[in-house]
C-alpha atoms as a PDB file:
ATOM      1  CA  MET A   1     118.952 266.937 -40.596  1.00  0.00           C
ATOM      2  CA  VAL A   2     118.193 267.301 -44.312  1.00  0.00           C
ATOM      3  CA  ILE A   3     120.369 267.920 -47.363  1.00  0.00           C
ATOM      4  CA  VAL A   4     119.415 270.613 -49.833  1.00  0.00           C
ATOM      5  CA  LYS A   5     120.964 271.252 -53.246  1.00  0.00           C
ATOM      6  CA  CYS A   6     121.260 274.386 -55.335  1.00  0.00           C
ATOM      7  CA  MET A   7     119.257 274.035 -58.519  1.00  0.00           C
ATOM      8  CA  LYS A   8     121.702 276.341 -60.330  1.00  0.00           C
ATOM      9  CA  CYS A   9     125.262 275.321 -59.309  1.00  0.00           C
ATOM     10  CA  GLY A  10     124.646 272.009 -57.553  1.00  0.00           C
ATOM     11  CA  LYS A  11     126.216 273.047 -54.247  1.00  0.00           C
ATOM     12  CA  GLU A  12     124.810 271.187 -51.178  1.00  0.00           C
ATOM     13  CA  TYR A  13     123.840 272.518 -47.741  1.00  0.00           C
ATOM     14  CA  GLU A  14     122.642 270.949 -44.459  1.00  0.00           C
ATOM     15  CA  LEU A  15     119.452 272.269 -42.914  1.00  0.00           C
ATOM     16  CA  LYS A  16     117.498 271.345 -39.818  1.00  0.00           C
ATOM     17  CA  PRO A  17     114.323 269.303 -40.433  1.00  0.00           C
ATOM     18  CA  ASP A  18     112.112 272.269 -39.442  1.00  0.00           C
ATOM     19  CA  ASN A  19     113.895 274.684 -41.845  1.00  0.00           C
ATOM     20  CA  ASN A  20     112.188 275.583 -45.102  1.00  0.00           C
ATOM     21  CA  PRO A  21     114.589 275.537 -48.126  1.00  0.00           C
ATOM     22  CA  SER A  22     112.620 278.381 -49.725  1.00  0.00           C
ATOM     23  CA  ASP A  23     113.777 280.613 -46.882  1.00  0.00           C
ATOM     24  CA  PHE A  24     117.404 280.173 -47.977  1.00  0.00           C
ATOM     25  CA  GLN A  25     119.376 280.929 -51.142  1.00  0.00           C
ATOM     26  CA  CYS A  26     122.676 279.610 -52.532  1.00  0.00           C
ATOM     27  CA  ASP A  27     125.771 281.873 -52.665  1.00  0.00           C
ATOM     28  CA  CYS A  28     125.357 281.929 -56.397  1.00  0.00           C
ATOM     29  CA  GLY A  29     121.817 283.131 -56.033  1.00  0.00           C
ATOM     30  CA  GLY A  30     120.217 279.855 -57.016  1.00  0.00           C
ATOM     31  CA  ASN A  31     117.216 278.331 -55.323  1.00  0.00           C
ATOM     32  CA  LEU A  32     117.554 275.304 -53.001  1.00  0.00           C
ATOM     33  CA  GLU A  33     115.647 272.016 -53.119  1.00  0.00           C
ATOM     34  CA  PHE A  34     115.574 268.891 -50.925  1.00  0.00           C
ATOM     35  CA  LYS A  35     118.097 266.178 -51.836  1.00  0.00           C
ATOM     36  CA  ALA A  36     117.574 263.481 -49.087  1.00  0.00           C
ATOM     37  CA  ASP A  37     116.202 262.995 -45.600  1.00  0.00           C
ATOM     38  CA  ILE A  38     119.202 261.535 -43.763  1.00  0.00           C
ATOM     39  CA  ALA A  39     117.209 260.727 -40.606  1.00  0.00           C
ATOM     40  CA  HIS A  40     114.702 258.822 -42.699  1.00  0.00           C
ATOM     41  CA  GLU A  41     117.465 256.865 -44.413  1.00  0.00           C
ATOM     42  CA  ILE A  42     119.110 255.990 -41.105  1.00  0.00           C
ATOM     43  CA  LEU A  43     115.808 254.790 -39.624  1.00  0.00           C
ATOM     44  CA  LYS A  44     115.119 252.736 -42.732  1.00  0.00           C
ATOM     45  CA  SER A  45     118.586 251.175 -42.475  1.00  0.00           C
ATOM     46  CA  LYS A  46     117.999 250.240 -38.794  1.00  0.00           C
ATOM     47  CA  LYS A  47     114.686 248.557 -39.623  1.00  0.00           C
ATOM     48  CA  THR A  48     116.382 246.505 -42.336  1.00  0.00           C
ATOM     49  CA  THR A  49     119.109 245.446 -39.888  1.00  0.00           C
ATOM     50  CA  ARG A  50     116.545 244.428 -37.250  1.00  0.00           C
ATOM     51  CA  LYS A  51     114.667 242.281 -39.765  1.00  0.00           C
ATOM     52  CA  SER A  52     117.924 240.624 -40.763  1.00  0.00           C
ATOM     53  CA  LEU A  53     118.800 239.937 -37.122  1.00  0.00           C
ATOM     54  CA  SER A  54     115.333 238.519 -36.429  1.00  0.00           C
ATOM     55  CA  ARG A  55     115.599 236.145 -39.364  1.00  0.00           C
ATOM     56  CA  ARG A  56     119.049 235.089 -38.180  1.00  0.00           C
ATOM     57  CA  ARG A  57     117.785 234.407 -34.642  1.00  0.00           C
ATOM     58  CA  ILE A  58     114.877 232.344 -35.993  1.00  0.00           C
ATOM     59  CA  THR A  59     117.281 230.354 -38.175  1.00  0.00           C
ATOM     60  CA  ILE A  60     119.603 229.714 -35.209  1.00  0.00           C
ATOM     61  CA  SER A  61     116.655 228.642 -32.976  1.00  0.00           C
ATOM     62  CA  ILE A  62     115.399 226.153 -35.571  1.00  0.00           C
ATOM     63  CA  SER A  63     118.917 224.739 -35.970  1.00  0.00           C
ATOM     64  CA  LEU A  64     119.236 224.238 -32.200  1.00  0.00           C
ATOM     65  CA  ILE A  65     115.866 222.451 -32.045  1.00  0.00           C
ATOM     66  CA  VAL A  66     116.850 220.137 -34.913  1.00  0.00           C
ATOM     67  CA  CYS A  67     120.164 219.340 -33.185  1.00  0.00           C
ATOM     68  CA  LEU A  68     118.424 218.570 -29.884  1.00  0.00           C
ATOM     69  CA  VAL A  69     115.927 216.265 -31.629  1.00  0.00           C
ATOM     70  CA  LEU A  70     118.768 214.390 -33.360  1.00  0.00           C
ATOM     71  CA  ILE A  71     120.697 214.015 -30.089  1.00  0.00           C
ATOM     72  CA  ILE A  72     117.628 212.731 -28.198  1.00  0.00           C
ATOM     73  CA  SER A  73     116.836 210.288 -31.019  1.00  0.00           C
ATOM     74  CA  ALA A  74     120.406 208.960 -30.959  1.00  0.00           C
ATOM     75  CA  LEU A  75     120.287 208.492 -27.172  1.00  0.00           C
ATOM     76  CA  LEU A  76     116.986 206.614 -27.431  1.00  0.00           C
ATOM     77  CA  VAL A  77     118.448 204.282 -30.061  1.00  0.00           C
ATOM     78  CA  ILE A  78     121.485 203.596 -27.853  1.00  0.00           C
ATOM     79  CA  PHE A  79     119.303 203.018 -24.774  1.00  0.00           C
ATOM     80  CA  ASN A  80     116.899 200.679 -26.564  1.00  0.00           C
ATOM     81  CA  SER A  81     119.675 198.670 -28.177  1.00  0.00           C
ATOM     82  CA  GLY A  82     121.292 198.117 -24.751  1.00  0.00           C
ATOM     83  CA  SER A  83     118.140 197.170 -22.860  1.00  0.00           C
ATOM     84  CA  HIS A  84     117.236 194.028 -24.827  1.00  0.00           C
ATOM     85  CA  HIS A  85     119.268 191.000 -23.796  1.00  0.00           C
ATOM     86  CA  VAL A  86     117.617 187.721 -24.657  1.00  0.00           C
ATOM     87  CA  ASN A  87     119.613 185.747 -22.110  1.00  0.00           C
ATOM     88  CA  MET A  88     119.501 188.227 -19.259  1.00  0.00           C
ATOM     89  CA  VAL A  89     116.927 188.800 -16.541  1.00  0.00           C
ATOM     90  CA  THR A  90     116.837 191.642 -14.014  1.00  0.00           C
ATOM     91  CA  GLN A  91     116.108 190.163 -10.602  1.00  0.00           C
ATOM     92  CA  ILE A  92     115.411 192.259  -7.494  1.00  0.00           C
ATOM     93  CA  ASN A  93     116.843 190.730  -4.336  1.00  0.00           C
ATOM     94  CA  LYS A  94     113.987 191.228  -1.873  1.00  0.00           C
ATOM     95  CA  SER A  95     116.296 190.852   1.121  1.00  0.00           C
ATOM     96  CA  ASP A  96     118.355 193.992   0.373  1.00  0.00           C
ATOM     97  CA  ASN A  97     116.560 195.650  -2.598  1.00  0.00           C
ATOM     98  CA  ASN A  98     119.599 195.214  -4.864  1.00  0.00           C
ATOM     99  CA  THR A  99     119.130 194.653  -8.588  1.00  0.00           C
ATOM    100  CA  THR A 100     121.102 191.852 -10.224  1.00  0.00           C
ATOM    101  CA  SER A 101     121.337 190.840 -13.895  1.00  0.00           C
ATOM    102  CA  ILE A 102     121.384 187.057 -14.232  1.00  0.00           C
ATOM    103  CA  ALA A 103     122.140 185.144 -17.430  1.00  0.00           C
ATOM    104  CA  ASN A 104     119.441 182.501 -17.745  1.00  0.00           C
ATOM    105  CA  GLN A 105     117.848 179.758 -19.777  1.00  0.00           C
ATOM    106  CA  THR A 106     114.259 178.540 -19.863  1.00  0.00           C
ATOM    107  CA  TYR A 107     113.136 175.063 -18.848  1.00  0.00           C
ATOM    108  CA  SER A 108     109.906 173.878 -20.447  1.00  0.00           C
ATOM    109  CA  ALA A 109     108.888 170.250 -19.886  1.00  0.00           C
ATOM    110  CA  ASN A 110     106.887 168.034 -17.520  1.00  0.00           C
ATOM    111  CA  GLY A 111     103.972 170.465 -17.690  1.00  0.00           C
ATOM    112  CA  ILE A 112     105.919 173.412 -16.195  1.00  0.00           C
ATOM    113  CA  THR A 113     108.151 176.274 -17.312  1.00  0.00           C
ATOM    114  CA  PHE A 114     110.634 178.489 -15.449  1.00  0.00           C
ATOM    115  CA  ASN A 115     113.937 180.352 -15.860  1.00  0.00           C
ATOM    116  CA  TYR A 116     117.129 179.073 -14.251  1.00  0.00           C
ATOM    117  CA  PRO A 117     120.770 180.315 -14.127  1.00  0.00           C
ATOM    118  CA  ALA A 118     122.404 179.661 -17.495  1.00  0.00           C
ATOM    119  CA  ASP A 119     125.529 178.054 -15.990  1.00  0.00           C
ATOM    120  CA  TRP A 120     123.632 175.621 -13.727  1.00  0.00           C
ATOM    121  CA  GLN A 121     123.365 171.960 -14.716  1.00  0.00           C
ATOM    122  CA  GLN A 122     120.393 169.625 -14.585  1.00  0.00           C
ATOM    123  CA  ILE A 123     120.607 166.813 -12.055  1.00  0.00           C
ATOM    124  CA  GLU A 124     120.228 163.451 -13.776  1.00  0.00           C
ATOM    125  CA  ASN A 125     119.808 161.258 -10.669  1.00  0.00           C
ATOM    126  CA  LEU A 126     116.455 162.329  -9.223  1.00  0.00           C
ATOM    127  CA  ASN A 127     116.132 159.224  -7.029  1.00  0.00           C
ATOM    128  CA  SER A 128     118.149 160.532  -4.084  1.00  0.00           C
ATOM    129  CA  PRO A 129     115.911 160.738  -0.981  1.00  0.00           C
ATOM    130  CA  SER A 130     118.770 161.879   1.250  1.00  0.00           C
ATOM    131  CA  ARG A 131     118.965 165.066  -0.790  1.00  0.00           C
ATOM    132  CA  TRP A 132     115.319 166.224  -0.830  1.00  0.00           C
ATOM    133  CA  GLY A 133     113.331 163.669   1.146  1.00  0.00           C
ATOM    134  CA  TYR A 134     111.166 160.862  -0.102  1.00  0.00           C
ATOM    135  CA  GLY A 135     109.217 161.433  -3.236  1.00  0.00           C
ATOM    136  CA  ASP A 136     111.349 162.194  -6.305  1.00  0.00           C
ATOM    137  CA  PRO A 137     111.155 165.662  -7.886  1.00  0.00           C
ATOM    138  CA  ILE A 138     110.206 166.114 -11.522  1.00  0.00           C
ATOM    139  CA  VAL A 139     113.294 168.251 -12.200  1.00  0.00           C
ATOM    140  CA  ALA A 140     116.329 169.598 -10.326  1.00  0.00           C
ATOM    141  CA  PHE A 141     119.381 171.787 -11.084  1.00  0.00           C
ATOM    142  CA  TYR A 142     122.653 172.441  -9.244  1.00  0.00           C
ATOM    143  CA  ASP A 143     125.400 175.058  -9.288  1.00  0.00           C
ATOM    144  CA  PRO A 144     128.580 173.393 -10.644  1.00  0.00           C
ATOM    145  CA  SER A 145     130.827 176.315  -9.616  1.00  0.00           C
ATOM    146  CA  ASN A 146     131.141 175.026  -6.028  1.00  0.00           C
ATOM    147  CA  ASN A 147     130.099 171.387  -6.521  1.00  0.00           C
ATOM    148  CA  ALA A 148     132.414 168.752  -7.957  1.00  0.00           C
ATOM    149  CA  THR A 149     129.695 166.427  -9.265  1.00  0.00           C
ATOM    150  CA  GLU A 150     125.959 166.037  -8.803  1.00  0.00           C
ATOM    151  CA  ASN A 151     126.662 163.234  -6.310  1.00  0.00           C
ATOM    152  CA  ASN A 152     128.159 165.717  -3.856  1.00  0.00           C
ATOM    153  CA  ILE A 153     126.370 169.055  -4.238  1.00  0.00           C
ATOM    154  CA  TYR A 154     125.830 172.001  -1.923  1.00  0.00           C
ATOM    155  CA  THR A 155     123.771 174.493  -3.918  1.00  0.00           C
ATOM    156  CA  TYR A 156     120.721 173.310  -5.842  1.00  0.00           C
ATOM    157  CA  PHE A 157     116.962 173.566  -6.333  1.00  0.00           C
ATOM    158  CA  TYR A 158     114.296 170.995  -7.096  1.00  0.00           C
ATOM    159  CA  ILE A 159     110.618 171.030  -8.042  1.00  0.00           C
ATOM    160  CA  LYS A 160     108.128 168.430  -6.862  1.00  0.00           C
ATOM    161  CA  GLN A 161     104.529 167.935  -7.892  1.00  0.00           C
ATOM    162  CA  ARG A 162     102.532 166.970  -4.801  1.00  0.00           C
ATOM    163  CA  ASP A 163      99.484 164.737  -4.727  1.00  0.00           C
ATOM    164  CA  VAL A 164      97.475 166.480  -1.987  1.00  0.00           C
ATOM    165  CA  GLY A 165      94.032 167.997  -1.649  1.00  0.00           C
ATOM    166  CA  SER A 166      94.916 171.434  -0.290  1.00  0.00           C
ATOM    167  CA  LEU A 167      97.740 173.848   0.435  1.00  0.00           C
ATOM    168  CA  ASP A 168      97.215 173.375   4.177  1.00  0.00           C
ATOM    169  CA  GLU A 169      97.595 169.616   3.798  1.00  0.00           C
ATOM    170  CA  MET A 170     100.853 170.010   1.880  1.00  0.00           C
ATOM    171  CA  LEU A 171     102.258 172.406   4.498  1.00  0.00           C
ATOM    172  CA  SER A 172     101.197 170.177   7.397  1.00  0.00           C
ATOM    173  CA  ASP A 173     102.950 167.156   5.854  1.00  0.00           C
ATOM    174  CA  TYR A 174     106.058 169.246   5.155  1.00  0.00           C
ATOM    175  CA  ARG A 175     106.319 170.597   8.705  1.00  0.00           C
ATOM    176  CA  SER A 176     106.098 167.050  10.070  1.00  0.00           C
ATOM    177  CA  ASP A 177     108.794 165.833   7.679  1.00  0.00           C
ATOM    178  CA  ILE A 178     111.349 168.554   8.504  1.00  0.00           C
ATOM    179  CA  ALA A 179     110.725 168.261  12.243  1.00  0.00           C
ATOM    180  CA  ALA A 180     111.379 164.514  12.068  1.00  0.00           C
ATOM    181  CA  ILE A 181     114.854 165.025  10.586  1.00  0.00           C
ATOM    182  CA  GLY A 182     115.886 167.872  12.893  1.00  0.00           C
ATOM    183  CA  GLN A 183     115.436 170.849  10.573  1.00  0.00           C
ATOM    184  CA  THR A 184     114.219 174.159  12.037  1.00  0.00           C
ATOM    185  CA  GLU A 185     111.679 176.478  10.461  1.00  0.00           C
ATOM    186  CA  ILE A 186     112.891 180.107  10.395  1.00  0.00           C
ATOM    187  CA  SER A 187     109.987 181.995   8.865  1.00  0.00           C
ATOM    188  CA  GLU A 188     106.761 181.605   6.930  1.00  0.00           C
ATOM    189  CA  ARG A 189     104.597 183.981   4.903  1.00  0.00           C
ATOM    190  CA  ASN A 190     101.794 183.980   2.335  1.00  0.00           C
ATOM    191  CA  ILE A 191     102.764 185.081  -1.187  1.00  0.00           C
ATOM    192  CA  THR A 192     101.539 184.763  -4.771  1.00  0.00           C
ATOM    193  CA  VAL A 193     103.488 183.273  -7.685  1.00  0.00           C
ATOM    194  CA  ASN A 194     102.212 184.456 -11.064  1.00  0.00           C
ATOM    195  CA  GLY A 195      98.727 184.843  -9.619  1.00  0.00           C
ATOM    196  CA  MET A 196      98.792 181.472  -7.794  1.00  0.00           C
ATOM    197  CA  LYS A 197      98.311 181.208  -4.048  1.00  0.00           C
ATOM    198  CA  ALA A 198     101.531 180.131  -2.320  1.00  0.00           C
ATOM    199  CA  VAL A 199     103.371 179.977   1.006  1.00  0.00           C
ATOM    200  CA  GLU A 200     107.074 180.743   1.398  1.00  0.00           C
ATOM    201  CA  LEU A 201     108.801 178.798   4.172  1.00  0.00           C
ATOM    202  CA  LYS A 202     112.462 179.127   5.194  1.00  0.00           C
ATOM    203  CA  LYS A 203     114.359 176.570   7.244  1.00  0.00           C
ATOM    204  CA  LYS A 204     117.900 175.718   8.416  1.00  0.00           C
ATOM    205  CA  TRP A 205     119.874 172.692   9.577  1.00  0.00           C
ATOM    206  CA  THR A 206     123.443 171.447  10.006  1.00  0.00           C
ATOM    207  CA  ASN A 207     125.028 168.552   8.143  1.00  0.00           C
ATOM    208  CA  GLY A 208     128.563 167.733   9.224  1.00  0.00           C
ATOM    209  CA  ASN A 209     130.457 171.009   9.477  1.00  0.00           C
ATOM    210  CA  ILE A 210     128.155 172.901   7.127  1.00  0.00           C
ATOM    211  CA  GLN A 211     125.062 174.841   8.121  1.00  0.00           C
ATOM    212  CA  TYR A 212     122.459 174.971   5.370  1.00  0.00           C
ATOM    213  CA  GLN A 213     119.551 177.291   4.737  1.00  0.00           C
ATOM    214  CA  ALA A 214     116.666 176.598   2.388  1.00  0.00           C
ATOM    215  CA  LEU A 215     113.899 178.569   0.747  1.00  0.00           C
ATOM    216  CA  THR A 216     110.841 176.459  -0.007  1.00  0.00           C
ATOM    217  CA  VAL A 217     107.781 177.719  -1.862  1.00  0.00           C
ATOM    218  CA  HIS A 218     104.543 175.718  -1.779  1.00  0.00           C
ATOM    219  CA  ILE A 219     102.258 176.596  -4.707  1.00  0.00           C
ATOM    220  CA  GLU A 220      98.580 175.907  -5.316  1.00  0.00           C
ATOM    221  CA  ALA A 221      98.421 175.731  -9.136  1.00  0.00           C
ATOM    222  CA  VAL A 222      94.881 174.292  -9.333  1.00  0.00           C
ATOM    223  CA  PRO A 223      92.938 174.378  -6.039  1.00  0.00           C
ATOM    224  CA  GLY A 224      92.118 170.872  -4.863  1.00  0.00           C
ATOM    225  CA  SER A 225      94.090 169.019  -7.538  1.00  0.00           C
ATOM    226  CA  LYS A 226      97.529 170.342  -8.494  1.00  0.00           C
ATOM    227  CA  TYR A 227     100.269 171.527  -6.110  1.00  0.00           C
ATOM    228  CA  TYR A 228     104.000 172.131  -6.458  1.00  0.00           C
ATOM    229  CA  ARG A 229     106.928 172.629  -4.094  1.00  0.00           C
ATOM    230  CA  ILE A 230     110.112 174.470  -5.113  1.00  0.00           C
ATOM    231  CA  GLY A 231     112.980 173.716  -2.729  1.00  0.00           C
ATOM    232  CA  CYS A 232     116.151 175.835  -2.898  1.00  0.00           C
ATOM    233  CA  VAL A 233     119.151 174.744  -0.819  1.00  0.00           C
ATOM    234  CA  VAL A 234     122.499 176.477  -0.200  1.00  0.00           C
ATOM    235  CA  PRO A 235     125.109 176.772   2.577  1.00  0.00           C
ATOM    236  CA  ALA A 236     123.899 179.459   4.975  1.00  0.00           C
ATOM    237  CA  SER A 237     127.020 181.587   4.397  1.00  0.00           C
ATOM    238  CA  GLU A 238     126.092 181.915   0.692  1.00  0.00           C
ATOM    239  CA  TYR A 239     122.335 182.301   1.100  1.00  0.00           C
ATOM    240  CA  ASN A 240     122.055 186.060   0.485  1.00  0.00           C
ATOM    241  CA  ALA A 241     124.342 185.930  -2.567  1.00  0.00           C
ATOM    242  CA  THR A 242     122.404 183.038  -4.131  1.00  0.00           C
ATOM    243  CA  LEU A 243     118.897 184.230  -3.219  1.00  0.00           C
ATOM    244  CA  PRO A 244     118.369 186.326  -6.425  1.00  0.00           C
ATOM    245  CA  LYS A 245     118.897 183.168  -8.520  1.00  0.00           C
ATOM    246  CA  PHE A 246     116.406 181.197  -6.431  1.00  0.00           C
ATOM    247  CA  GLU A 247     113.889 184.043  -6.620  1.00  0.00           C
ATOM    248  CA  MET A 248     114.268 184.110 -10.403  1.00  0.00           C
ATOM    249  CA  VAL A 249     113.254 180.437 -10.561  1.00  0.00           C
ATOM    250  CA  VAL A 250     110.279 180.992  -8.243  1.00  0.00           C
ATOM    251  CA  ASN A 251     109.042 184.217  -9.853  1.00  0.00           C
ATOM    252  CA  SER A 252     109.154 182.738 -13.372  1.00  0.00           C
ATOM    253  CA  PHE A 253     107.491 179.419 -12.466  1.00  0.00           C
ATOM    254  CA  LYS A 254     104.268 178.583 -14.354  1.00  0.00           C
ATOM    255  CA  PRO A 255     102.328 175.413 -15.134  1.00  0.00           C
ATOM    256  CA  GLN A 256     101.935 174.950 -18.886  1.00  0.00           C
END
């Protein structure tokens, strides 16, 4: 509709959009003229409202994006700050695919380096053939949590450097040695340790009332000249629980 106004008295009338004001006359006899197009004003008002709503939606969308970015950034900071532990190592237990975090320290001497459980103690008396056979190791550690002193230990590992000409020679000598003292081989497989060719051999035996199980890894550091053996011993009942710690030592072993 449209509003018309009398040019003489000022009185207003409503006409349809298709009506012509010149076809009508005021009661006072004055002529009529257009005052405002209400439909046009309403449409104009709606357009203004839509623009305002659009701007508001854009503002809200930008605010949500900024909030999401800040939240993601905060989560990343929290995650990164919790994933760096200098004295922790994540070790996968190959026997049951469990992941275990182990506090550790690094040994670096005698031309080798490896990680070992932080609460284990170094064995001072390396001249003890009854413990690991003839030929002293270059280093050994034991678990003091279930061993009174290093003279009477149950859970330990040692590392020997072997003077042989090949990996096959070292394994042949080892099989003869364990057979001579009544130990039984359980399994054997080829592996690699930090890119070095190696053989993993497991064995078991009984001493007194305790059955033991051992993981031994025979490593070819330099073909034809430098070989190492890592022997890990534990009562058979505790083998699976202790295996991640032994695997940490083996997997981190490197010649310097």
